[in-house]
Amino acid sequence: MGSLEEERLVQMVRDFIESESSTPPIFPASSNRFPINQAKYFTLQEILGRVTEAETEVLETLLKHMRSKNDAEKTTSMKTWLVMRLKMDGFNASICQTSWVTSSGCPAGDYEYIEIALKDENGDRVRLIVDLDFRSQFELARPTPFYKELTDTLPLFFVGSEDKLNKVISLLCSAAKQSFKERGLHVPPWRTSTYMQSKWLSRCCKVSNANNIGYSSRENREAKSGSHHGCSSMWVPPMVEPKRRGLAGGSGLSNQLSRLAWA
């Protein structure tokens, strides 16, 4: 990550942390005229509002460390610094650098995010995706008012499962397509659902856990944990279980943290 991009990310994090706005999003009046827009808006709210105990645990830890980061650590990449802190807390965290080749209508590209492997409240192994600049990935230069309202609803920091991420991508890419159509524009290949999914769900990626780097794939990593959700495999530390705090999927604290990430 270039220094300018890193500085931009650090500044966004600072702005987010310093923001005292915790007001839950209000349904945009401009969307009341269109039932289909209203349905999409509430569907997105429902997807983002379902916060599991594991997601709450990670988001809480993430915010704690971001509040404590100081200028003395500015030379360290934000993601690398966070991965080191998360590992010190017992999380199996790593940086995933995905890449994909050009295929039917989808140009080649690459992306980077944080991955955490752990067990959920039922003891099942889960893979959580952590993105520190999530909202901007869906923003358009000339969005329609409704699409702008949708992207404003997205959290700056995303913490969630592949399933949740897939649902968000599907809904936002569909809305983006409609936005382009209303503006009389063609959908660029880097705004298709295939391209967006490749950012976080590409089969082949370079994995760094802040101590070593190796090439791996989601199939190989998941096969080690007995999952069937293929690059060479690498050693994966034992999974950790989130602390039991009596937090159900829709608890008050979960919803508060979810709203905090929407600031």
Foldseek 3Di string as FASTA:
>chain_A
DDLVVQVVLLVVLVVLLPDPDLDFDDPDPVCVVPPVLVVLQVVLVVLLLQAALVLLLVLVQQSVVSVVDDPVCSVDRPQLVVLVSVVVVVWQKKKWKFWDPDDDLAHTDIAIWMWTWAAGPVRHIFIKTKDQQPLVLLDDPDFDVSLVVNSLQDFRIDIGGLVSVLVSLVSSLVRVCVRCVVVVHHDHSCSHSVNVCRHPQPQKTWIGSSPDIATFGPCQVVVVVVDRPGGDHDDGDDHYYRDDDPDHRNDPSSSSSSSSRSD
